C-alpha cells in the first residue's frame, strides 16, 4: 500500500487480488504469512485497512495485481516477493498510470 503525494487528498493504493491470484501470491511470496491463512481472512484485512484509511479522509484505489507480472517485476528489480515489494509495486503501478494520464492530457493539449 502506498500514498500518492501528487494530490490534495491522499490516495493510497491497495494490493487487490482475486482468489486465484491470492493463491498464486501465497505460493511465490517470501512472506506468505503476511497474506493471512485464507482468502476470506485476507479480504477482511484489506477491507478493514481501506475503511480505516477512508475514515481518515483518504482515498483508496484498488490496484489489481497479476502475480506473474509482479514476479517478473521483482526479478527485474532484484526484490524478494514480499510485503515491501508488493507495496512498492502498487506504488509503481499508480505512478505509471498517473504518468500515462498526464501524457495523454498533454497530447490532447490539456494541462494538469
Protein backbone atom coordinates (compact mmCIF):
# COMPACT_ATOMS: atom_id res chain seq x y z
CA UNK A 1 0.00 0.00 0.00
CA UNK A 2 1.45 3.36 -0.97
CA UNK A 3 0.47 7.00 -0.80
CA UNK A 4 0.35 9.11 -3.96
CA UNK A 5 1.68 12.53 -2.89
CA UNK A 6 0.58 14.43 -6.01
CA UNK A 7 -2.93 15.35 -4.91
CA UNK A 8 -4.52 17.41 -2.18
CA UNK A 9 -6.35 14.42 -0.77
CA UNK A 10 -4.11 11.44 -0.05
CA UNK A 11 -4.64 8.50 -2.38
CA UNK A 12 -3.49 5.11 -1.16
CA UNK A 13 -3.08 2.18 -3.47
CA UNK A 14 -4.00 -1.18 -2.03
CA UNK A 15 -2.99 -4.56 -3.40
CA UNK A 16 -6.09 -6.18 -4.86
CA UNK A 17 -6.01 -9.91 -5.53
CA UNK A 18 -8.64 -12.29 -6.84
CA UNK A 19 -8.89 -15.62 -5.04
CA UNK A 20 -6.77 -17.26 -7.77
CA UNK A 21 -4.12 -14.51 -7.64
CA UNK A 22 -4.06 -14.66 -3.83
CA UNK A 23 -3.29 -18.40 -4.03
CA UNK A 24 -0.53 -17.75 -6.57
CA UNK A 25 0.85 -14.92 -4.44
CA UNK A 26 0.99 -17.14 -1.35
CA UNK A 27 2.86 -19.74 -3.42
CA UNK A 28 5.59 -17.29 -4.53
CA UNK A 29 5.68 -14.97 -1.51
CA UNK A 30 8.83 -14.78 0.57
CA UNK A 31 6.47 -13.94 3.46
CA UNK A 32 3.25 -15.93 2.86
CA UNK A 33 2.15 -15.43 6.48
CA UNK A 34 1.51 -11.72 5.72
CA UNK A 35 -1.23 -12.80 3.31
CA UNK A 36 -3.37 -14.46 6.01
CA UNK A 37 -4.21 -18.15 6.14
CA UNK A 38 -7.33 -17.86 3.97
CA UNK A 39 -8.50 -15.62 1.16
CA UNK A 40 -11.52 -14.58 3.23
CA UNK A 41 -9.29 -13.50 6.14
CA UNK A 42 -7.03 -11.60 3.76
CA UNK A 43 -10.03 -9.81 2.18
CA UNK A 44 -11.36 -8.84 5.62
CA UNK A 45 -7.95 -7.38 6.49
CA UNK A 46 -7.78 -5.45 3.20
CA UNK A 47 -11.32 -4.09 3.64
CA UNK A 48 -10.52 -3.07 7.22
CA UNK A 49 -7.39 -1.19 6.12
CA UNK A 50 -9.27 0.51 3.28
CA UNK A 51 -12.12 1.51 5.59
CA UNK A 52 -9.70 2.94 8.18
CA UNK A 53 -7.89 4.99 5.52
CA UNK A 54 -11.17 6.30 4.10
CA UNK A 55 -12.42 7.25 7.58
CA UNK A 56 -9.26 9.34 7.94
CA UNK A 57 -10.30 11.27 4.83
CA UNK A 58 -8.06 9.47 2.34
CA UNK A 59 -8.98 7.93 -0.98
CA UNK A 60 -8.22 4.27 -1.60
CA UNK A 61 -7.58 2.82 -5.04
CA UNK A 62 -7.69 -0.93 -5.56
CA UNK A 63 -4.74 -1.98 -7.72
CA UNK A 64 -5.33 -5.40 -9.30
CA UNK A 65 -2.10 -7.38 -9.18
CA UNK A 66 -1.23 -10.13 -11.63
CA UNK A 67 1.15 -12.41 -9.75
CA UNK A 68 3.11 -13.36 -12.87
CA UNK A 69 3.78 -9.72 -13.77
CA UNK A 70 4.59 -8.93 -10.14
CA UNK A 71 7.09 -11.83 -10.04
CA UNK A 72 8.76 -10.54 -13.23
CA UNK A 73 8.92 -7.03 -11.75
CA UNK A 74 10.53 -8.43 -8.59
CA UNK A 75 13.13 -10.29 -10.64
CA UNK A 76 13.88 -7.25 -12.78
CA UNK A 77 14.27 -5.07 -9.68
CA UNK A 78 16.19 -7.65 -7.61
CA UNK A 79 13.43 -7.75 -4.98
CA UNK A 80 12.11 -10.63 -2.92
CA UNK A 81 8.36 -11.09 -3.49
CA UNK A 82 7.36 -9.86 -0.03
CA UNK A 83 5.07 -7.29 1.55
CA UNK A 84 7.51 -4.42 0.98
CA UNK A 85 7.85 -5.34 -2.70
CA UNK A 86 4.06 -5.60 -3.09
CA UNK A 87 3.72 -2.12 -1.64
CA UNK A 88 6.46 -0.75 -3.89
CA UNK A 89 4.91 -2.46 -6.92
CA UNK A 90 1.50 -0.91 -6.21
CA UNK A 91 3.20 2.48 -5.92
CA UNK A 92 4.98 1.86 -9.23
CA UNK A 93 1.71 0.93 -10.97
CA UNK A 94 0.00 4.06 -9.63
CA UNK A 95 2.88 6.30 -10.74
CA UNK A 96 2.92 4.70 -14.19
CA UNK A 97 -0.85 5.18 -14.57
CA UNK A 98 -0.54 8.81 -13.45
CA UNK A 99 2.30 9.49 -15.90
CA UNK A 100 0.27 7.91 -18.71
CA UNK A 101 -2.79 10.06 -17.92
CA UNK A 102 -0.66 13.22 -17.79
CA UNK A 103 1.00 12.35 -21.08
CA UNK A 104 -2.39 11.73 -22.69
CA UNK A 105 -3.68 15.10 -21.48
CA UNK A 106 -0.61 16.87 -22.86
CA UNK A 107 -1.06 15.18 -26.21
CA UNK A 108 -4.64 16.46 -26.32
CA UNK A 109 -3.45 19.95 -25.35
CA UNK A 110 -4.82 19.87 -21.80
CA UNK A 111 -2.95 21.00 -18.73
CA UNK A 112 -2.76 19.28 -15.38
